[in-house]
Amino acid sequence: MSDLEIIKQDLLRTADFAFQRLRARLSGLTDEEYLWEPAPGCWSIRETGGRWVADGSPIPVKPAPLTTIAWRLDHLIFVLEGERNATWLGATPVGTLGRDGAAPSAEQALRDLDSAYDLFTRNVQAADAAGLTAPMGEIAAPYGSDTRAAFVLHELDELIHHGSEIAAMRDLYRALTAAANPVVAAVDGEDWAAVEALVPTHGGTPVVAELAVAERWDAVRRLADLGFSVTASGGITALHYAAVHGQREIAELLVKHGADPATKDTEFEQDAAGWAAYGGHEELAKYLRG
C-alpha cells in the first residue's frame, strides 16, 4: 500500500470515527426535538408547496442565525451527499440520494444521513490516492489551487463541527426538558406519591437511566420498584451505569425488573459486564455474564 493510500484510509477511518460518534449521539431523537427552536427567529425546515425546505439566504448572514437540529442535519446531509465529493477528487460520482427537499421527520433525516455518509465514503474510496496531493483545478474554482486532500479534510471538518453543534443542542434540549420533567421535580421534592401517579404517563421515559447518570441510587431503586422503565435510555442504560460504579444491589434490582445484561451501549458497544470490568468490579462482571 502506497503512502498516499495509507493517508486516504486514515482520512476515511477518522471520518468514520466522527460519524459513528455523531450517530450514537443522535439515538432517541424525536420529531419534537428535531424541530425544536431554541429561540425566536431560528432557521429551520418548513413545509412549502407540499415539500420541506430549509431556511436560508443567497447572501452571507452575520451574525449567523441560530438553527434547529433539523436545519443542521439537512445541511450536513447536503454536504455529505454532494457530487463534488467525487468530481473535485477527479472521480466519477457513485450515485445520488435523489432527495426532494428536507426530511420532514427525525426518522427520515437519520435514514438520509446514513445514506449520505455512505455516498461520501464510497466517493472518497473511488478517488485515486495518487492524486491526493494534486490541486483540484478549475472544477473547484475558487478553490482550484487547493489539494484534493485539503478538500477531504474540509469535508471532515464539516462533519465534526456540525456534529458537535448538534450534540450541544441535544444537551441543551435535555437540560431544559429535564428542568421541566415532573418526575424529576417530584423526586427532588421527595414526593413519592406524586412520582407514583406519573407512572402511567412517564413510565416509559428514560428517567431511571438519567438518575443513574447522576448516581442517585435511592431514586433509581424507588422508580424501578414503582414500575418505571429500566431499559429506556439514550443509548446507555441504567444497568451500564450501575455496573461501572460497582452497584451490585442496584444491578440485581434492575435485572429483576427486566434489564438485559446483554444489551450493548451505543457509544462503545459494550454490555453491562464490560462496563463493570472497566470500573474494576470483576465480581459484578461475573454476575452480569451469568
Protein backbone atom coordinates (compact mmCIF):
# COMPACT_ATOMS: atom_id res chain seq x y z
CA MET A 1 0.00 0.00 0.00
CA SER A 2 1.44 3.38 -1.01
CA ASP A 3 1.97 6.21 1.46
CA LEU A 4 -0.84 8.20 -0.15
CA GLU A 5 -3.21 5.22 0.02
CA ILE A 6 -2.41 4.93 3.73
CA ILE A 7 -3.25 8.62 4.13
CA LYS A 8 -6.54 8.15 2.28
CA GLN A 9 -7.52 5.25 4.51
CA ASP A 10 -6.53 7.27 7.60
CA LEU A 11 -8.84 10.06 6.44
CA LEU A 12 -11.69 7.61 5.96
CA ARG A 13 -11.12 5.97 9.34
CA THR A 14 -11.14 9.36 11.04
CA ALA A 15 -14.35 10.27 9.20
CA ASP A 16 -15.94 7.00 10.30
CA PHE A 17 -14.97 7.58 13.92
CA ALA A 18 -16.52 11.07 13.82
CA PHE A 19 -19.65 9.82 12.08
CA GLN A 20 -20.24 6.91 14.45
CA ARG A 21 -19.76 9.24 17.41
CA LEU A 22 -22.40 11.59 15.98
CA ARG A 23 -24.72 8.72 15.11
CA ALA A 24 -24.62 7.47 18.69
CA ARG A 25 -25.40 10.99 19.96
CA LEU A 26 -28.49 11.05 17.74
CA SER A 27 -30.03 7.99 19.39
CA GLY A 28 -33.59 8.63 20.53
CA LEU A 29 -34.06 11.85 18.53
CA THR A 30 -37.77 12.69 18.41
CA ASP A 31 -39.64 14.86 15.94
CA GLU A 32 -40.30 17.38 18.70
CA GLU A 33 -36.59 17.76 19.46
CA TYR A 34 -35.68 17.62 15.76
CA LEU A 35 -37.81 20.71 15.05
CA TRP A 36 -37.27 22.44 18.42
CA GLU A 37 -36.47 26.14 18.08
CA PRO A 38 -34.18 27.26 20.94
CA ALA A 39 -35.01 30.93 20.32
CA PRO A 40 -37.30 33.04 18.12
CA GLY A 41 -36.15 33.60 14.56
CA CYS A 42 -34.31 30.30 14.15
CA TRP A 43 -33.56 28.90 10.74
CA SER A 44 -35.29 25.54 10.40
CA ILE A 45 -37.00 23.42 7.77
CA ARG A 46 -40.54 24.36 6.77
CA GLU A 47 -43.26 22.91 4.59
CA THR A 48 -43.60 24.97 1.43
CA GLY A 49 -45.75 23.95 -1.51
CA GLY A 50 -46.01 20.35 -0.39
CA ARG A 51 -42.30 19.83 0.31
CA TRP A 52 -40.00 20.64 3.19
CA VAL A 53 -37.35 23.29 2.54
CA ALA A 54 -34.51 24.60 4.68
CA ASP A 55 -34.44 28.30 5.52
CA GLY A 56 -31.53 30.19 4.02
CA SER A 57 -30.22 33.32 2.36
CA PRO A 58 -28.47 33.87 -1.00
CA ILE A 59 -26.01 36.19 0.74
CA PRO A 60 -23.93 35.66 3.91
CA VAL A 61 -25.77 36.49 7.14
CA LYS A 62 -23.73 37.93 10.02
CA PRO A 63 -24.05 37.03 12.79
CA ALA A 64 -25.11 33.57 11.72
CA PRO A 65 -28.68 32.81 12.82
CA LEU A 66 -29.49 30.18 15.39
CA THR A 67 -30.74 26.99 13.81
CA THR A 68 -32.70 23.89 14.71
CA ILE A 69 -31.27 20.38 14.77
CA ALA A 70 -33.37 19.75 11.65
CA TRP A 71 -31.60 22.56 9.79
CA ARG A 72 -28.13 21.39 10.80
CA LEU A 73 -28.86 17.78 9.88
CA ASP A 74 -30.22 18.86 6.50
CA HIS A 75 -27.08 20.91 5.88
CA LEU A 76 -24.82 18.03 6.89
CA ILE A 77 -26.72 15.65 4.62
CA PHE A 78 -26.30 18.15 1.77
CA VAL A 79 -22.55 18.32 2.40
CA LEU A 80 -22.08 14.54 2.53
CA GLU A 81 -24.26 13.66 -0.45
CA GLY A 82 -22.69 16.24 -2.77
CA GLU A 83 -21.29 15.02 -6.10
CA ARG A 84 -18.32 17.32 -5.56
CA ASN A 85 -17.03 14.71 -3.08
CA ALA A 86 -16.21 12.76 -6.23
CA THR A 87 -15.75 15.32 -9.02
CA TRP A 88 -13.42 17.58 -7.04
CA LEU A 89 -11.32 14.49 -6.34
CA GLY A 90 -11.13 13.56 -10.01
CA ALA A 91 -13.57 10.65 -9.69
CA THR A 92 -17.00 9.80 -11.10
CA PRO A 93 -19.89 10.11 -8.60
CA VAL A 94 -21.09 6.71 -7.39
CA GLY A 95 -24.72 7.78 -7.05
CA THR A 96 -27.18 10.27 -5.62
CA LEU A 97 -29.81 10.32 -2.90
CA GLY A 98 -32.35 11.96 -5.18
CA ARG A 99 -33.83 13.92 -2.29
CA ASP A 100 -36.77 16.22 -2.94
CA GLY A 101 -36.36 18.67 -0.10
CA ALA A 102 -35.53 18.23 3.56
CA ALA A 103 -36.64 15.29 5.69
CA PRO A 104 -39.91 16.13 7.49
CA SER A 105 -39.20 13.77 10.41
CA ALA A 106 -36.28 12.78 12.60
CA GLU A 107 -36.56 9.17 11.45
CA GLN A 108 -36.29 10.13 7.78
CA ALA A 109 -33.45 12.55 8.49
CA LEU A 110 -31.40 9.81 10.16
CA ARG A 111 -32.00 7.48 7.21
CA ASP A 112 -30.90 10.23 4.84
CA LEU A 113 -27.84 10.94 6.99
CA ASP A 114 -26.79 7.28 6.86
CA SER A 115 -27.27 7.18 3.09
CA ALA A 116 -25.41 10.46 2.57
CA TYR A 117 -22.46 9.28 4.65
CA ASP A 118 -22.35 6.04 2.67
CA LEU A 119 -22.19 8.08 -0.55
CA PHE A 120 -19.41 10.25 0.85
CA THR A 121 -17.21 7.31 1.84
CA ARG A 122 -17.76 5.49 -1.45
CA ASN A 123 -16.90 8.63 -3.42
CA VAL A 124 -13.68 9.15 -1.48
CA GLN A 125 -12.80 5.46 -1.80
CA ALA A 126 -13.24 5.75 -5.57
CA ALA A 127 -10.72 8.59 -5.79
CA ASP A 128 -7.17 7.76 -6.85
CA ALA A 129 -4.93 8.11 -3.81
CA ALA A 130 -2.03 9.11 -6.05
CA GLY A 131 -3.89 12.32 -6.87
CA LEU A 132 -4.47 13.47 -3.29
CA THR A 133 -1.61 15.97 -3.40
CA ALA A 134 -2.69 17.38 -6.78
CA PRO A 135 -4.61 20.67 -6.98
CA MET A 136 -8.34 20.26 -7.63
CA GLY A 137 -8.23 22.54 -10.64
CA GLU A 138 -10.86 24.59 -12.42
CA ILE A 139 -13.79 22.39 -11.39
CA ALA A 140 -13.33 23.56 -7.79
CA ALA A 141 -12.94 27.28 -8.51
CA PRO A 142 -12.27 29.41 -6.48
CA TYR A 143 -10.53 26.63 -4.53
CA GLY A 144 -8.81 25.12 -7.53
CA SER A 145 -5.30 25.61 -6.15
CA ASP A 146 -6.12 23.62 -3.01
CA THR A 147 -5.17 19.95 -2.99
CA ARG A 148 -7.70 17.14 -3.09
CA ALA A 149 -6.52 16.02 0.34
CA ALA A 150 -7.27 19.51 1.69
CA PHE A 151 -10.82 19.19 0.38
CA VAL A 152 -11.35 15.84 2.11
CA LEU A 153 -10.10 17.45 5.31
CA HIS A 154 -12.59 20.30 4.78
CA GLU A 155 -15.47 17.83 4.47
CA LEU A 156 -14.22 16.06 7.59
CA ASP A 157 -14.23 19.41 9.40
CA GLU A 158 -17.84 19.95 8.29
CA LEU A 159 -18.80 16.56 9.73
CA ILE A 160 -17.03 17.16 13.03
CA HIS A 161 -18.07 20.74 13.72
CA HIS A 162 -21.71 20.35 12.66
CA GLY A 163 -21.88 17.10 14.59
CA SER A 164 -20.55 18.90 17.66
CA GLU A 165 -23.15 21.65 17.27
CA ILE A 166 -25.95 19.09 17.04
CA ALA A 167 -24.65 17.28 20.13
CA ALA A 168 -24.50 20.56 22.07
CA MET A 169 -28.09 21.36 21.07
CA ARG A 170 -29.19 17.92 22.27
CA ASP A 171 -27.52 18.61 25.62
CA LEU A 172 -29.30 21.97 25.88
CA TYR A 173 -32.64 20.42 24.98
CA ARG A 174 -32.15 17.67 27.54
CA ALA A 175 -31.23 20.18 30.24
CA LEU A 176 -34.26 22.35 29.54
CA THR A 177 -36.69 19.45 29.38
CA ALA A 178 -35.19 17.80 32.48
CA ALA A 179 -35.83 21.00 34.40
CA ALA A 180 -39.47 20.74 33.37
CA ASN A 181 -39.67 16.97 33.92
CA PRO A 182 -42.40 16.39 36.53
CA VAL A 183 -40.84 13.08 37.59
CA VAL A 184 -37.51 14.71 38.40
CA ALA A 185 -39.29 17.56 40.16
CA ALA A 186 -41.27 15.10 42.28
CA VAL A 187 -38.12 13.10 43.06
CA ASP A 188 -36.30 16.28 44.06
CA GLY A 189 -39.19 17.12 46.39
CA GLU A 190 -39.28 13.54 47.71
CA ASP A 191 -42.97 13.44 46.83
CA TRP A 192 -43.16 9.72 46.12
CA ALA A 193 -46.95 9.71 45.85
CA ALA A 194 -46.65 12.21 43.00
CA VAL A 195 -43.91 10.09 41.42
CA GLU A 196 -46.13 7.00 41.52
CA ALA A 197 -49.02 8.96 39.98
CA LEU A 198 -46.78 9.74 36.98
CA VAL A 199 -46.10 6.10 36.06
CA PRO A 200 -48.98 5.90 33.52
CA THR A 201 -47.75 8.94 31.59
CA HIS A 202 -43.99 8.90 32.16
CA GLY A 203 -43.21 5.28 32.97
CA GLY A 204 -41.66 4.63 29.57
CA THR A 205 -39.29 7.60 29.60
CA PRO A 206 -35.54 7.18 30.27
CA VAL A 207 -35.72 8.89 33.66
CA VAL A 208 -34.25 5.87 35.51
CA ALA A 209 -31.17 5.98 33.28
CA GLU A 210 -30.90 9.75 33.76
CA LEU A 211 -30.99 9.35 37.54
CA ALA A 212 -28.37 6.61 37.28
CA VAL A 213 -26.09 9.02 35.39
CA ALA A 214 -26.31 11.30 38.44
CA GLU A 215 -25.66 8.30 40.75
CA ARG A 216 -28.94 8.87 42.56
CA TRP A 217 -29.25 5.23 43.51
CA ASP A 218 -32.06 5.56 46.04
CA ALA A 219 -34.20 7.28 43.40
CA VAL A 220 -33.25 4.60 40.84
CA ARG A 221 -34.35 1.91 43.30
CA ARG A 222 -37.64 3.61 44.08
CA LEU A 223 -38.56 4.30 40.45
CA ALA A 224 -37.69 0.78 39.35
CA ASP A 225 -39.89 -0.65 42.10
CA LEU A 226 -42.72 1.69 41.08
CA GLY A 227 -42.65 0.39 37.52
CA PHE A 228 -40.68 2.99 35.58
CA SER A 229 -38.79 1.54 32.61
CA VAL A 230 -35.33 0.25 33.45
CA THR A 231 -34.49 -0.29 29.78
CA ALA A 232 -35.37 3.10 28.27
CA SER A 233 -32.24 5.17 27.65
CA GLY A 234 -30.45 7.49 25.29
CA GLY A 235 -28.05 4.71 24.37
CA ILE A 236 -26.53 3.81 27.74
CA THR A 237 -28.82 2.07 30.21
CA ALA A 238 -29.18 2.39 33.97
CA LEU A 239 -27.64 -1.08 34.26
CA HIS A 240 -24.48 0.08 32.49
CA TYR A 241 -24.09 2.94 34.97
CA ALA A 242 -24.79 0.73 37.97
CA ALA A 243 -22.19 -1.73 36.65
CA VAL A 244 -19.37 0.77 36.13
CA HIS A 245 -19.94 2.18 39.64
CA GLY A 246 -19.97 -1.26 41.24
CA GLN A 247 -23.57 -1.02 42.45
CA ARG A 248 -24.26 -4.75 42.83
CA GLU A 249 -27.57 -4.35 44.69
CA ILE A 250 -28.89 -1.86 42.13
CA ALA A 251 -27.72 -4.05 39.25
CA GLU A 252 -29.56 -7.06 40.66
CA LEU A 253 -32.69 -4.95 41.15
CA LEU A 254 -32.57 -3.66 37.58
CA VAL A 255 -32.15 -7.19 36.21
CA LYS A 256 -35.08 -8.32 38.36
CA HIS A 257 -37.21 -5.60 36.76
CA GLY A 258 -36.26 -6.56 33.21
CA ALA A 259 -32.89 -5.03 32.41
CA ASP A 260 -30.95 -7.24 29.98
CA PRO A 261 -27.24 -7.62 30.84
CA ALA A 262 -26.54 -8.48 27.19
CA THR A 263 -27.71 -5.09 25.92
CA LYS A 264 -24.81 -3.13 24.43
CA ASP A 265 -24.45 0.62 24.72
CA THR A 266 -24.40 2.74 21.56
CA GLU A 267 -21.17 4.54 22.44
CA PHE A 268 -18.65 1.72 22.98
CA GLU A 269 -20.78 -1.30 22.04
CA GLN A 270 -20.16 -2.92 25.42
CA ASP A 271 -22.58 -4.87 27.59
CA ALA A 272 -23.02 -4.19 31.29
CA ALA A 273 -20.35 -6.75 32.21
CA GLY A 274 -17.88 -4.85 30.05
CA TRP A 275 -18.69 -1.66 31.93
CA ALA A 276 -18.30 -3.43 35.28
CA ALA A 277 -14.92 -4.79 34.21
CA TYR A 278 -13.84 -1.33 33.07
CA GLY A 279 -14.74 0.00 36.51
CA GLY A 280 -12.65 -2.73 38.14
CA HIS A 281 -15.63 -4.67 39.52
CA GLU A 282 -14.81 -8.21 38.41
CA GLU A 283 -17.26 -9.98 40.73
CA LEU A 284 -20.10 -7.85 39.42
CA ALA A 285 -18.92 -8.52 35.86
CA LYS A 286 -19.07 -12.28 36.55
CA TYR A 287 -22.63 -11.94 37.87
CA LEU A 288 -23.70 -9.97 34.79
CA ARG A 289 -22.17 -12.55 32.46
CA GLY A 290 -24.34 -15.17 34.15
